[in-house]
Amino acid sequence: MGKQLLFMITKIIWFSFQYIIYLPTRQSKGTCQTWSSSYFLFNKLHQRLLCSYQDFNKLIDFNLTNRENEILYYSSMGRTYKEISGLTNITEYTVKFHMAKIVNKLNAKNARHAIKIASDLKLIHAL
């Protein structure tokens, strides 16, 4: 819920600044100055929102188990399910089961998407 709200706010701000940036080009001669100051303002605002988003994500607990963290780490290193099963001494089916739980917890579309989300949120730690 919080991520979606933050995303919507960012989108609204982005479109607002798009309007501010392009409006002066049709009305006044000082376009370059207006565009650069609007861009600078948007860039600063975007950085602040990004920091807030990262801080917000630190507050969210995804409740990944040690085994899920281990599988996520090996997957992010490019290991196959078969290789991970050999490294962790569990069956390939169990690796797939844990990956499905990771995908579900991170609200991802598939394993690759889950790895990308985990990487962006800095959830992947070396073992």
N, C-alpha and C. Protein backbone atom coordinates (compact mmCIF):
# COMPACT_ATOMS: atom_id res chain seq x y z
N MET A 1 0.82 -1.19 0.00
CA MET A 1 0.00 0.00 0.00
C MET A 1 0.87 1.25 0.00
N GLY A 2 1.88 1.29 0.87
CA GLY A 2 2.75 2.46 0.97
C GLY A 2 3.56 2.68 -0.29
N LYS A 3 4.05 1.59 -0.89
CA LYS A 3 4.84 1.70 -2.12
C LYS A 3 3.99 2.26 -3.24
N GLN A 4 2.76 1.78 -3.34
CA GLN A 4 1.88 2.25 -4.41
C GLN A 4 1.55 3.73 -4.24
N LEU A 5 1.34 4.16 -3.01
CA LEU A 5 1.06 5.56 -2.75
C LEU A 5 2.25 6.43 -3.12
N LEU A 6 3.45 6.00 -2.73
CA LEU A 6 4.65 6.75 -3.06
C LEU A 6 4.86 6.80 -4.56
N PHE A 7 4.59 5.69 -5.24
CA PHE A 7 4.72 5.65 -6.70
C PHE A 7 3.75 6.63 -7.35
N MET A 8 2.51 6.66 -6.85
CA MET A 8 1.51 7.58 -7.41
C MET A 8 1.90 9.03 -7.19
N ILE A 9 2.42 9.35 -6.01
CA ILE A 9 2.86 10.72 -5.73
C ILE A 9 3.99 11.11 -6.66
N THR A 10 4.94 10.21 -6.85
CA THR A 10 6.05 10.48 -7.77
C THR A 10 5.55 10.72 -9.17
N LYS A 11 4.59 9.92 -9.61
CA LYS A 11 4.02 10.06 -10.95
C LYS A 11 3.34 11.42 -11.11
N ILE A 12 2.56 11.81 -10.11
CA ILE A 12 1.87 13.10 -10.17
C ILE A 12 2.87 14.24 -10.24
N ILE A 13 3.91 14.17 -9.41
CA ILE A 13 4.93 15.22 -9.42
C ILE A 13 5.64 15.25 -10.77
N TRP A 14 5.94 14.07 -11.32
CA TRP A 14 6.62 14.00 -12.61
C TRP A 14 5.79 14.68 -13.70
N PHE A 15 4.51 14.35 -13.77
CA PHE A 15 3.67 14.95 -14.80
C PHE A 15 3.47 16.45 -14.56
N SER A 16 3.43 16.86 -13.30
CA SER A 16 3.32 18.29 -13.00
C SER A 16 4.53 19.04 -13.52
N PHE A 17 5.71 18.48 -13.28
CA PHE A 17 6.92 19.14 -13.75
C PHE A 17 7.06 19.06 -15.26
N GLN A 18 6.55 18.02 -15.86
CA GLN A 18 6.55 17.96 -17.32
C GLN A 18 5.76 19.13 -17.86
N TYR A 19 4.64 19.43 -17.23
CA TYR A 19 3.80 20.54 -17.66
C TYR A 19 4.53 21.87 -17.43
N ILE A 20 5.17 22.02 -16.27
CA ILE A 20 5.91 23.25 -15.96
C ILE A 20 7.05 23.44 -16.95
N ILE A 21 7.74 22.36 -17.28
CA ILE A 21 8.89 22.46 -18.18
C ILE A 21 8.46 22.88 -19.57
N TYR A 22 7.39 22.31 -20.09
CA TYR A 22 7.01 22.57 -21.47
C TYR A 22 6.09 23.77 -21.65
N LEU A 23 5.44 24.22 -20.60
CA LEU A 23 4.55 25.37 -20.71
C LEU A 23 5.27 26.65 -21.14
N PRO A 24 6.41 27.02 -20.53
CA PRO A 24 7.06 28.26 -20.91
C PRO A 24 7.57 28.28 -22.35
N THR A 25 7.82 27.14 -22.95
CA THR A 25 8.33 27.13 -24.32
C THR A 25 7.31 27.73 -25.27
N ARG A 26 6.05 27.66 -24.93
CA ARG A 26 5.01 28.21 -25.80
C ARG A 26 4.69 29.67 -25.47
N GLN A 27 5.11 30.14 -24.27
CA GLN A 27 4.65 31.45 -23.83
C GLN A 27 5.74 32.52 -23.74
N SER A 28 6.94 32.15 -23.38
CA SER A 28 7.92 33.19 -23.14
C SER A 28 9.24 32.90 -23.82
N LYS A 29 10.11 33.91 -23.81
CA LYS A 29 11.41 33.76 -24.45
C LYS A 29 12.44 33.14 -23.51
N GLY A 30 12.24 33.24 -22.22
CA GLY A 30 13.22 32.73 -21.26
C GLY A 30 13.10 31.24 -21.02
N THR A 31 12.97 30.52 -22.09
CA THR A 31 12.72 29.08 -21.97
C THR A 31 13.86 28.33 -21.32
N CYS A 32 15.07 28.60 -21.75
CA CYS A 32 16.21 27.86 -21.22
C CYS A 32 16.31 28.01 -19.71
N GLN A 33 16.18 29.23 -19.24
CA GLN A 33 16.28 29.49 -17.81
C GLN A 33 15.16 28.77 -17.05
N THR A 34 13.94 28.85 -17.55
CA THR A 34 12.80 28.21 -16.88
C THR A 34 12.96 26.71 -16.89
N TRP A 35 13.38 26.17 -18.04
CA TRP A 35 13.54 24.72 -18.14
C TRP A 35 14.60 24.23 -17.20
N SER A 36 15.76 24.90 -17.16
CA SER A 36 16.85 24.41 -16.32
C SER A 36 16.50 24.51 -14.84
N SER A 37 15.82 25.58 -14.43
CA SER A 37 15.46 25.70 -13.02
C SER A 37 14.38 24.68 -12.65
N SER A 38 13.44 24.42 -13.55
CA SER A 38 12.41 23.41 -13.30
C SER A 38 13.03 22.03 -13.23
N TYR A 39 13.97 21.78 -14.13
CA TYR A 39 14.64 20.48 -14.14
C TYR A 39 15.43 20.30 -12.85
N PHE A 40 16.14 21.34 -12.43
CA PHE A 40 16.92 21.27 -11.20
C PHE A 40 16.00 20.99 -10.01
N LEU A 41 14.89 21.70 -9.94
CA LEU A 41 13.93 21.51 -8.86
C LEU A 41 13.37 20.09 -8.87
N PHE A 42 13.00 19.61 -10.05
CA PHE A 42 12.46 18.25 -10.14
C PHE A 42 13.51 17.23 -9.74
N ASN A 43 14.75 17.45 -10.17
CA ASN A 43 15.83 16.51 -9.86
C ASN A 43 16.03 16.43 -8.35
N LYS A 44 16.04 17.57 -7.67
CA LYS A 44 16.20 17.59 -6.21
C LYS A 44 15.02 16.88 -5.53
N LEU A 45 13.83 17.16 -6.01
CA LEU A 45 12.63 16.54 -5.45
C LEU A 45 12.66 15.03 -5.66
N HIS A 46 13.09 14.61 -6.82
CA HIS A 46 13.19 13.19 -7.13
C HIS A 46 14.19 12.51 -6.21
N GLN A 47 15.32 13.16 -5.96
CA GLN A 47 16.32 12.58 -5.06
C GLN A 47 15.75 12.43 -3.64
N ARG A 48 15.01 13.43 -3.19
CA ARG A 48 14.40 13.36 -1.86
C ARG A 48 13.38 12.22 -1.77
N LEU A 49 12.57 12.09 -2.81
CA LEU A 49 11.57 11.01 -2.83
C LEU A 49 12.25 9.65 -2.86
N LEU A 50 13.33 9.55 -3.62
CA LEU A 50 14.06 8.29 -3.71
C LEU A 50 14.64 7.92 -2.36
N CYS A 51 15.21 8.89 -1.65
CA CYS A 51 15.73 8.64 -0.31
C CYS A 51 14.61 8.21 0.63
N SER A 52 13.47 8.87 0.53
CA SER A 52 12.32 8.51 1.37
C SER A 52 11.86 7.09 1.06
N TYR A 53 11.86 6.75 -0.22
CA TYR A 53 11.44 5.41 -0.64
C TYR A 53 12.39 4.36 -0.09
N GLN A 54 13.70 4.64 -0.14
CA GLN A 54 14.66 3.68 0.37
C GLN A 54 14.54 3.55 1.88
N ASP A 55 14.32 4.68 2.58
CA ASP A 55 14.12 4.62 4.03
C ASP A 55 12.83 3.86 4.36
N PHE A 56 11.80 4.08 3.55
CA PHE A 56 10.52 3.40 3.74
C PHE A 56 10.70 1.89 3.58
N ASN A 57 11.50 1.48 2.59
CA ASN A 57 11.72 0.06 2.36
C ASN A 57 12.49 -0.59 3.49
N LYS A 58 13.32 0.18 4.18
CA LYS A 58 14.04 -0.38 5.32
C LYS A 58 13.07 -0.72 6.45
N LEU A 59 11.98 0.02 6.52
CA LEU A 59 10.99 -0.22 7.57
C LEU A 59 10.13 -1.45 7.29
N ILE A 60 10.02 -1.81 6.01
CA ILE A 60 9.20 -2.96 5.65
C ILE A 60 9.99 -4.23 5.93
N ASP A 61 9.39 -5.13 6.64
CA ASP A 61 10.04 -6.40 6.93
C ASP A 61 9.44 -7.46 6.02
N PHE A 62 10.25 -8.01 5.15
CA PHE A 62 9.75 -9.00 4.20
C PHE A 62 9.71 -10.40 4.79
N ASN A 63 10.23 -10.56 5.99
CA ASN A 63 10.21 -11.84 6.70
C ASN A 63 10.80 -12.98 5.88
N LEU A 64 11.92 -12.73 5.21
CA LEU A 64 12.59 -13.81 4.49
C LEU A 64 13.35 -14.67 5.50
N THR A 65 13.19 -15.97 5.37
CA THR A 65 13.89 -16.89 6.27
C THR A 65 15.35 -16.98 5.86
N ASN A 66 16.16 -17.60 6.71
CA ASN A 66 17.58 -17.79 6.38
C ASN A 66 17.73 -18.60 5.11
N ARG A 67 16.92 -19.63 4.96
CA ARG A 67 16.99 -20.47 3.76
C ARG A 67 16.61 -19.68 2.52
N GLU A 68 15.58 -18.86 2.63
CA GLU A 68 15.16 -18.03 1.49
C GLU A 68 16.25 -17.02 1.13
N ASN A 69 16.88 -16.44 2.15
CA ASN A 69 18.00 -15.52 1.89
C ASN A 69 19.14 -16.23 1.18
N GLU A 70 19.41 -17.44 1.60
CA GLU A 70 20.48 -18.24 1.00
C GLU A 70 20.16 -18.54 -0.47
N ILE A 71 18.95 -18.95 -0.74
CA ILE A 71 18.54 -19.27 -2.11
C ILE A 71 18.52 -18.00 -2.97
N LEU A 72 18.07 -16.91 -2.40
CA LEU A 72 18.06 -15.63 -3.11
C LEU A 72 19.49 -15.22 -3.47
N TYR A 73 20.41 -15.40 -2.54
CA TYR A 73 21.81 -15.05 -2.80
C TYR A 73 22.38 -15.89 -3.94
N TYR A 74 22.22 -17.20 -3.85
CA TYR A 74 22.76 -18.08 -4.90
C TYR A 74 22.10 -17.80 -6.25
N SER A 75 20.82 -17.52 -6.24
CA SER A 75 20.12 -17.20 -7.49
C SER A 75 20.65 -15.91 -8.09
N SER A 76 20.92 -14.94 -7.24
CA SER A 76 21.44 -13.67 -7.74
C SER A 76 22.85 -13.82 -8.29
N MET A 77 23.54 -14.86 -7.87
CA MET A 77 24.89 -15.13 -8.39
C MET A 77 24.84 -15.94 -9.69
N GLY A 78 23.64 -16.23 -10.16
CA GLY A 78 23.48 -16.92 -11.45
C GLY A 78 23.45 -18.44 -11.35
N ARG A 79 23.33 -18.96 -10.16
CA ARG A 79 23.27 -20.42 -9.99
C ARG A 79 21.91 -20.96 -10.43
N THR A 80 21.91 -22.17 -10.96
CA THR A 80 20.65 -22.82 -11.34
C THR A 80 20.04 -23.48 -10.11
N TYR A 81 18.78 -23.87 -10.23
CA TYR A 81 18.12 -24.54 -9.10
C TYR A 81 18.84 -25.84 -8.75
N LYS A 82 19.33 -26.52 -9.75
CA LYS A 82 20.05 -27.78 -9.52
C LYS A 82 21.34 -27.52 -8.74
N GLU A 83 22.08 -26.47 -9.13
CA GLU A 83 23.31 -26.13 -8.43
C GLU A 83 23.02 -25.70 -6.99
N ILE A 84 21.96 -24.93 -6.82
CA ILE A 84 21.59 -24.47 -5.48
C ILE A 84 21.20 -25.66 -4.60
N SER A 85 20.49 -26.62 -5.19
CA SER A 85 20.10 -27.79 -4.40
C SER A 85 21.33 -28.57 -3.94
N GLY A 86 22.36 -28.63 -4.78
CA GLY A 86 23.60 -29.30 -4.40
C GLY A 86 24.34 -28.54 -3.30
N LEU A 87 24.35 -27.22 -3.39
CA LEU A 87 25.05 -26.40 -2.40
C LEU A 87 24.36 -26.40 -1.04
N THR A 88 23.04 -26.49 -1.05
CA THR A 88 22.28 -26.39 0.20
C THR A 88 21.80 -27.73 0.75
N ASN A 89 22.08 -28.80 0.01
CA ASN A 89 21.68 -30.16 0.42
C ASN A 89 20.18 -30.31 0.59
N ILE A 90 19.42 -29.69 -0.32
CA ILE A 90 17.98 -29.90 -0.37
C ILE A 90 17.61 -30.26 -1.80
N THR A 91 16.41 -30.74 -2.01
CA THR A 91 16.02 -31.14 -3.36
C THR A 91 15.75 -29.92 -4.24
N GLU A 92 15.78 -30.15 -5.54
CA GLU A 92 15.51 -29.08 -6.49
C GLU A 92 14.07 -28.58 -6.32
N TYR A 93 13.17 -29.49 -6.01
CA TYR A 93 11.77 -29.12 -5.78
C TYR A 93 11.66 -28.14 -4.60
N THR A 94 12.43 -28.40 -3.54
CA THR A 94 12.40 -27.53 -2.36
C THR A 94 12.97 -26.15 -2.68
N VAL A 95 14.00 -26.11 -3.53
CA VAL A 95 14.56 -24.83 -3.96
C VAL A 95 13.49 -24.03 -4.71
N LYS A 96 12.77 -24.71 -5.60
CA LYS A 96 11.69 -24.05 -6.35
C LYS A 96 10.59 -23.56 -5.41
N PHE A 97 10.30 -24.38 -4.40
CA PHE A 97 9.28 -24.01 -3.41
C PHE A 97 9.68 -22.73 -2.68
N HIS A 98 10.95 -22.68 -2.23
CA HIS A 98 11.43 -21.49 -1.52
C HIS A 98 11.45 -20.27 -2.44
N MET A 99 11.83 -20.47 -3.69
CA MET A 99 11.85 -19.35 -4.63
C MET A 99 10.44 -18.83 -4.87
N ALA A 100 9.47 -19.72 -4.93
CA ALA A 100 8.07 -19.30 -5.10
C ALA A 100 7.62 -18.47 -3.90
N LYS A 101 8.07 -18.86 -2.70
CA LYS A 101 7.73 -18.08 -1.50
C LYS A 101 8.39 -16.70 -1.54
N ILE A 102 9.63 -16.64 -2.04
CA ILE A 102 10.33 -15.36 -2.17
C ILE A 102 9.58 -14.46 -3.15
N VAL A 103 9.21 -15.03 -4.29
CA VAL A 103 8.47 -14.27 -5.31
C VAL A 103 7.18 -13.72 -4.71
N ASN A 104 6.51 -14.54 -3.95
CA ASN A 104 5.25 -14.13 -3.32
C ASN A 104 5.47 -13.02 -2.28
N LYS A 105 6.48 -13.18 -1.44
CA LYS A 105 6.74 -12.19 -0.38
C LYS A 105 7.17 -10.84 -0.95
N LEU A 106 7.91 -10.86 -2.05
CA LEU A 106 8.38 -9.61 -2.65
C LEU A 106 7.38 -9.05 -3.66
N ASN A 107 6.26 -9.76 -3.83
CA ASN A 107 5.22 -9.33 -4.76
C ASN A 107 5.79 -9.17 -6.18
N ALA A 108 6.60 -10.14 -6.58
CA ALA A 108 7.25 -10.11 -7.89
C ALA A 108 6.47 -10.97 -8.87
N LYS A 109 6.81 -10.82 -10.16
CA LYS A 109 6.13 -11.60 -11.19
C LYS A 109 6.78 -12.96 -11.40
N ASN A 110 8.09 -13.02 -11.22
CA ASN A 110 8.82 -14.28 -11.38
C ASN A 110 10.13 -14.18 -10.60
N ALA A 111 10.95 -15.22 -10.70
CA ALA A 111 12.19 -15.27 -9.92
C ALA A 111 13.15 -14.15 -10.31
N ARG A 112 13.27 -13.88 -11.59
CA ARG A 112 14.16 -12.80 -12.03
C ARG A 112 13.72 -11.45 -11.46
N HIS A 113 12.42 -11.23 -11.50
CA HIS A 113 11.87 -9.98 -10.96
C HIS A 113 12.13 -9.90 -9.46
N ALA A 114 12.00 -11.01 -8.76
CA ALA A 114 12.26 -11.05 -7.31
C ALA A 114 13.71 -10.70 -7.02
N ILE A 115 14.62 -11.23 -7.82
CA ILE A 115 16.04 -10.94 -7.64
C ILE A 115 16.31 -9.45 -7.87
N LYS A 116 15.68 -8.89 -8.89
CA LYS A 116 15.84 -7.46 -9.19
C LYS A 116 15.31 -6.61 -8.04
N ILE A 117 14.14 -6.95 -7.54
CA ILE A 117 13.56 -6.20 -6.41
C ILE A 117 14.46 -6.31 -5.19
N ALA A 118 14.90 -7.52 -4.88
CA ALA A 118 15.77 -7.74 -3.72
C ALA A 118 17.08 -6.98 -3.87
N SER A 119 17.60 -6.94 -5.08
CA SER A 119 18.83 -6.20 -5.34
C SER A 119 18.62 -4.70 -5.14
N ASP A 120 17.52 -4.18 -5.66
CA ASP A 120 17.21 -2.75 -5.51
C ASP A 120 17.01 -2.36 -4.05
N LEU A 121 16.42 -3.26 -3.29
CA LEU A 121 16.15 -2.98 -1.88
C LEU A 121 17.31 -3.38 -0.97
N LYS A 122 18.39 -3.86 -1.59
CA LYS A 122 19.59 -4.28 -0.86
C LYS A 122 19.27 -5.36 0.17
N LEU A 123 18.47 -6.33 -0.25
CA LEU A 123 18.12 -7.45 0.62
C LEU A 123 19.08 -8.62 0.46
N ILE A 124 19.90 -8.59 -0.59
CA ILE A 124 20.81 -9.70 -0.87
C ILE A 124 22.13 -9.44 -0.17
N HIS A 125 22.50 -10.37 0.70
CA HIS A 125 23.75 -10.24 1.45
C HIS A 125 24.61 -11.47 1.20
N ALA A 126 25.92 -11.27 1.13
CA ALA A 126 26.83 -12.39 0.92
C ALA A 126 26.76 -13.34 2.11
N LEU A 127 26.92 -14.61 1.82
CA LEU A 127 26.85 -15.62 2.89
C LEU A 127 28.18 -15.79 3.57
